[in-house]
PDB file of N, CA and C in Angstrom:
ATOM      1  N   UNK A   1     -80.302  10.463 -25.835  1.00  0.00           N
ATOM      2  CA  UNK A   1     -79.561  11.343 -24.735  1.00  0.00           C
ATOM      3  C   UNK A   1     -79.608  10.570 -23.720  1.00  0.00           C
ATOM      4  N   UNK A   2     -78.458  11.139 -22.828  1.00  0.00           N
ATOM      5  CA  UNK A   2     -77.962  10.532 -21.712  1.00  0.00           C
ATOM      6  C   UNK A   2     -79.027  11.280 -20.609  1.00  0.00           C
ATOM      7  N   UNK A   3     -79.119  10.700 -19.046  1.00  0.00           N
ATOM      8  CA  UNK A   3     -79.907  10.932 -18.132  1.00  0.00           C
ATOM      9  C   UNK A   3     -79.205  10.370 -17.173  1.00  0.00           C
ATOM     10  N   UNK A   4     -79.446  11.700 -16.345  1.00  0.00           N
ATOM     11  CA  UNK A   4     -78.126  11.774 -15.116  1.00  0.00           C
ATOM     12  C   UNK A   4     -79.521  11.757 -13.725  1.00  0.00           C
ATOM     13  N   UNK A   5     -79.000  10.665 -13.084  1.00  0.00           N
ATOM     14  CA  UNK A   5     -80.311  10.393 -12.075  1.00  0.00           C
ATOM     15  C   UNK A   5     -80.229  11.717 -10.901  1.00  0.00           C
ATOM     16  N   UNK A   6     -78.735  12.038 -10.643  1.00  0.00           N
ATOM     17  CA  UNK A   6     -78.676  13.180  -9.506  1.00  0.00           C
ATOM     18  C   UNK A   6     -79.323  14.416 -10.182  1.00  0.00           C
ATOM     19  N   UNK A   7     -79.148  15.012 -11.343  1.00  0.00           N
ATOM     20  CA  UNK A   7     -79.944  15.996 -11.893  1.00  0.00           C
ATOM     21  C   UNK A   7     -81.378  15.778 -11.926  1.00  0.00           C
ATOM     22  N   UNK A   8     -81.903  14.645 -12.264  1.00  0.00           N
ATOM     23  CA  UNK A   8     -83.610  14.456 -12.252  1.00  0.00           C
ATOM     24  C   UNK A   8     -84.063  14.829 -10.854  1.00  0.00           C
ATOM     25  N   UNK A   9     -83.220  14.098 -10.051  1.00  0.00           N
ATOM     26  CA  UNK A   9     -83.792  14.158  -8.410  1.00  0.00           C
ATOM     27  C   UNK A   9     -83.866  15.374  -7.760  1.00  0.00           C
ATOM     28  N   UNK A  10     -82.751  16.451  -8.533  1.00  0.00           N
ATOM     29  CA  UNK A  10     -82.568  17.872  -7.970  1.00  0.00           C
ATOM     30  C   UNK A  10     -83.764  18.798  -8.817  1.00  0.00           C
ATOM     31  N   UNK A  11     -84.209  18.564  -9.801  1.00  0.00           N
ATOM     32  CA  UNK A  11     -85.086  18.604 -10.999  1.00  0.00           C
ATOM     33  C   UNK A  11     -86.503  18.687  -9.841  1.00  0.00           C
ATOM     34  N   UNK A  12     -86.403  17.842  -9.347  1.00  0.00           N
ATOM     35  CA  UNK A  12     -87.901  17.246  -9.125  1.00  0.00           C
ATOM     36  C   UNK A  12     -88.152  18.166  -7.781  1.00  0.00           C
ATOM     37  N   UNK A  13     -86.929  17.842  -6.943  1.00  0.00           N
ATOM     38  CA  UNK A  13     -87.229  18.481  -5.432  1.00  0.00           C
ATOM     39  C   UNK A  13     -87.368  20.394  -5.670  1.00  0.00           C
ATOM     40  N   UNK A  14     -86.525  20.629  -6.879  1.00  0.00           N
ATOM     41  CA  UNK A  14     -86.971  22.654  -7.128  1.00  0.00           C
ATOM     42  C   UNK A  14     -88.565  22.183  -7.308  1.00  0.00           C
ATOM     43  N   UNK A  15     -88.626  21.350  -8.042  1.00  0.00           N
ATOM     44  CA  UNK A  15     -90.035  21.824  -8.704  1.00  0.00           C
ATOM     45  C   UNK A  15     -91.224  21.563  -7.709  1.00  0.00           C
ATOM     46  N   UNK A  16     -90.574  20.005  -6.676  1.00  0.00           N
ATOM     47  CA  UNK A  16     -92.008  20.206  -5.570  1.00  0.00           C
ATOM     48  C   UNK A  16     -91.709  21.480  -4.962  1.00  0.00           C
ATOM     49  N   UNK A  17     -90.958  21.799  -4.629  1.00  0.00           N
ATOM     50  CA  UNK A  17     -90.465  23.231  -3.850  1.00  0.00           C
ATOM     51  C   UNK A  17     -91.257  24.542  -4.251  1.00  0.00           C
ATOM     52  N   UNK A  18     -90.969  24.648  -5.741  1.00  0.00           N
ATOM     53  CA  UNK A  18     -91.848  25.454  -6.216  1.00  0.00           C
ATOM     54  C   UNK A  18     -93.462  25.521  -6.018  1.00  0.00           C
ATOM     55  N   UNK A  19     -93.861  23.928  -6.574  1.00  0.00           N
ATOM     56  CA  UNK A  19     -95.343  23.628  -6.398  1.00  0.00           C
ATOM     57  C   UNK A  19     -95.846  24.408  -5.028  1.00  0.00           C
ATOM     58  N   UNK A  20     -95.230  24.137  -4.194  1.00  0.00           N
ATOM     59  CA  UNK A  20     -95.465  24.239  -2.691  1.00  0.00           C
ATOM     60  C   UNK A  20     -96.020  25.845  -2.428  1.00  0.00           C
ATOM     61  N   UNK A  21     -95.040  26.383  -2.722  1.00  0.00           N
ATOM     62  CA  UNK A  21     -95.424  27.687  -2.842  1.00  0.00           C
ATOM     63  C   UNK A  21     -96.211  28.539  -4.043  1.00  0.00           C
ATOM     64  N   UNK A  22     -97.105  27.753  -4.990  1.00  0.00           N
ATOM     65  CA  UNK A  22     -97.746  27.831  -5.995  1.00  0.00           C
ATOM     66  C   UNK A  22     -96.977  28.563  -6.791  1.00  0.00           C
ATOM     67  N   UNK A  23     -95.717  28.613  -7.120  1.00  0.00           N
ATOM     68  CA  UNK A  23     -95.209  29.126  -7.913  1.00  0.00           C
ATOM     69  C   UNK A  23     -94.941  30.644  -7.822  1.00  0.00           C
ATOM     70  N   UNK A  24     -94.754  30.963  -6.493  1.00  0.00           N
ATOM     71  CA  UNK A  24     -94.372  32.566  -6.244  1.00  0.00           C
ATOM     72  C   UNK A  24     -93.085  32.791  -5.996  1.00  0.00           C
ATOM     73  N   UNK A  25     -92.104  33.083  -6.791  1.00  0.00           N
ATOM     74  CA  UNK A  25     -90.982  33.632  -6.902  1.00  0.00           C
ATOM     75  C   UNK A  25     -90.530  34.146  -5.533  1.00  0.00           C
ATOM     76  N   UNK A  26     -91.388  35.391  -5.576  1.00  0.00           N
ATOM     77  CA  UNK A  26     -91.368  35.741  -3.823  1.00  0.00           C
ATOM     78  C   UNK A  26     -91.260  34.840  -2.878  1.00  0.00           C
ATOM     79  N   UNK A  27     -92.199  34.364  -2.561  1.00  0.00           N
ATOM     80  CA  UNK A  27     -91.871  33.285  -1.546  1.00  0.00           C
ATOM     81  C   UNK A  27     -91.359  32.399  -1.536  1.00  0.00           C
ATOM     82  N   UNK A  28     -90.848  31.731  -2.374  1.00  0.00           N
ATOM     83  CA  UNK A  28     -89.424  30.764  -3.037  1.00  0.00           C
ATOM     84  C   UNK A  28     -88.428  31.328  -2.595  1.00  0.00           C
ATOM     85  N   UNK A  29     -87.911  32.604  -2.664  1.00  0.00           N
ATOM     86  CA  UNK A  29     -86.484  33.146  -2.912  1.00  0.00           C
ATOM     87  C   UNK A  29     -86.602  33.134  -0.982  1.00  0.00           C
ATOM     88  N   UNK A  30     -87.708  33.803  -0.540  1.00  0.00           N
ATOM     89  CA  UNK A  30     -87.912  34.049   0.852  1.00  0.00           C
ATOM     90  C   UNK A  30     -87.227  32.676   1.527  1.00  0.00           C
ATOM     91  N   UNK A  31     -87.881  32.015   1.316  1.00  0.00           N
ATOM     92  CA  UNK A  31     -88.029  30.409   2.173  1.00  0.00           C
ATOM     93  C   UNK A  31     -86.298  29.960   1.770  1.00  0.00           C
ATOM     94  N   UNK A  32     -85.606  30.244   0.656  1.00  0.00           N
ATOM     95  CA  UNK A  32     -84.427  29.998   0.525  1.00  0.00           C
ATOM     96  C   UNK A  32     -83.381  30.834   1.338  1.00  0.00           C
ATOM     97  N   UNK A  33     -83.745  31.793   1.262  1.00  0.00           N
ATOM     98  CA  UNK A  33     -83.240  32.623   2.232  1.00  0.00           C
ATOM     99  C   UNK A  33     -83.321  32.544   4.033  1.00  0.00           C
ATOM    100  N   UNK A  34     -84.332  32.017   4.060  1.00  0.00           N
ATOM    101  CA  UNK A  34     -84.564  31.465   5.504  1.00  0.00           C
ATOM    102  C   UNK A  34     -83.812  30.148   5.895  1.00  0.00           C
ATOM    103  N   UNK A  35     -84.074  29.463   5.046  1.00  0.00           N
ATOM    104  CA  UNK A  35     -82.929  28.054   4.968  1.00  0.00           C
ATOM    105  C   UNK A  35     -81.555  27.784   5.056  1.00  0.00           C
ATOM    106  N   UNK A  36     -81.126  29.176   4.604  1.00  0.00           N
ATOM    107  CA  UNK A  36     -79.893  29.710   4.112  1.00  0.00           C
ATOM    108  C   UNK A  36     -79.250  30.084   5.636  1.00  0.00           C
ATOM    109  N   UNK A  37     -80.063  31.088   6.475  1.00  0.00           N
ATOM    110  CA  UNK A  37     -79.870  31.540   7.692  1.00  0.00           C
ATOM    111  C   UNK A  37     -79.783  30.553   8.625  1.00  0.00           C
ATOM    112  N   UNK A  38     -80.867  29.865   8.590  1.00  0.00           N
ATOM    113  CA  UNK A  38     -80.826  28.667   9.787  1.00  0.00           C
ATOM    114  C   UNK A  38     -79.699  27.474   9.595  1.00  0.00           C
ATOM    115  N   UNK A  39     -79.124  27.409   8.234  1.00  0.00           N
ATOM    116  CA  UNK A  39     -78.325  26.369   8.302  1.00  0.00           C
ATOM    117  C   UNK A  39     -76.948  26.892   8.772  1.00  0.00           C
ATOM    118  N   UNK A  40     -76.594  28.124   8.621  1.00  0.00           N
ATOM    119  CA  UNK A  40     -75.377  28.823   9.330  1.00  0.00           C
ATOM    120  C   UNK A  40     -74.113  28.659   8.095  1.00  0.00           C
ATOM    121  N   UNK A  41     -74.708  28.542   6.932  1.00  0.00           N
ATOM    122  CA  UNK A  41     -73.884  28.280   6.026  1.00  0.00           C
ATOM    123  C   UNK A  41     -74.013  29.557   4.874  1.00  0.00           C
ATOM    124  N   UNK A  42     -73.610  30.636   5.033  1.00  0.00           N
ATOM    125  CA  UNK A  42     -73.474  31.563   4.328  1.00  0.00           C
ATOM    126  C   UNK A  42     -72.732  32.771   4.319  1.00  0.00           C
ATOM    127  N   UNK A  43     -72.255  33.093   3.388  1.00  0.00           N
ATOM    128  CA  UNK A  43     -71.268  34.758   3.451  1.00  0.00           C
ATOM    129  C   UNK A  43     -72.010  35.568   3.758  1.00  0.00           C
ATOM    130  N   UNK A  44     -71.151  36.580   4.618  1.00  0.00           N
ATOM    131  CA  UNK A  44     -72.042  37.783   4.872  1.00  0.00           C
ATOM    132  C   UNK A  44     -71.188  38.852   3.938  1.00  0.00           C
TER     133      UNK A  44
END
């Protein structure tokens, strides 16, 4: 099986992010929405 370093890094970052919110999906989504709003890079 092949391994993709970029995907491995994305999965690691997502896991760390979820763990930092104790795997609370609502809190994770709220954080992503907040980050998206702050970035100014979202469609209305």
